Amino acid sequence: MIELMAVLVIMGIMAAIAAPRLDISHYRVESAMQALGSTLLVAQRAAVVKQHDVVVSFDEAGRMVRIHEDADNDALIDAGEDVRFRPLDAGVAFGRGGAPAFRIGGGPVSFTRVQAGRPAVTFHRNGTASEEGGVYLTSTRAVRSGGHAADAKVIIVDRATGRPTWFNYSRLTWKRGF
């Protein structure tokens, strides 16, 4: 029993030392990047499978993504067309915080096409995207402070293939992948 208590005390001390070093915000942004990248992949695949445009628009202020399956390819939301919303996770926002701009530019969302007043990318039935562009994600603390560069992530959509690619900012450079 004494040995068990000693082990528990040692584990408690180790947990007390390690807990302040955990950076939950970084993991939230990582998770949001994977979720948004997957959402873009699903939208691109849906355009190919259903043979009509799928428009993904970004509400920066509302921290939300809207996916519109545009069955008649008119870029308008009509009755009967599927529209879904995907909010960003708590503690995550569009932006790059203290990280330098990547090749897509400095704004939180670089797509120039607009749907309902929001920047958007359209995936066509052949799998291509309406334009090359991307989205920065970071923690809300990085947006507020302008620091925490390591929280910055970017997802770039290739125009020719419609495929998203993920990048992380780490140690003064952008690196591909997780």
Foldseek 3Di string as FASTA:
>chain_A
DVVVVVVVVVVVVVCVVCVVVDDVQLVLLVVLLVVVLVVLVVQLVCQQVLQAKWKWFADQVQQKIKIWGDNVNPLDRDPPTDIDMDHRDPQKGQAQQQADDDPQDHDQWNAPDDRPRTRMWMRHNVSFIPAKIKGKMFGPVSVVPSDPNQRIKMWIQHGVRRHIWIWTDDDNDIDTDD
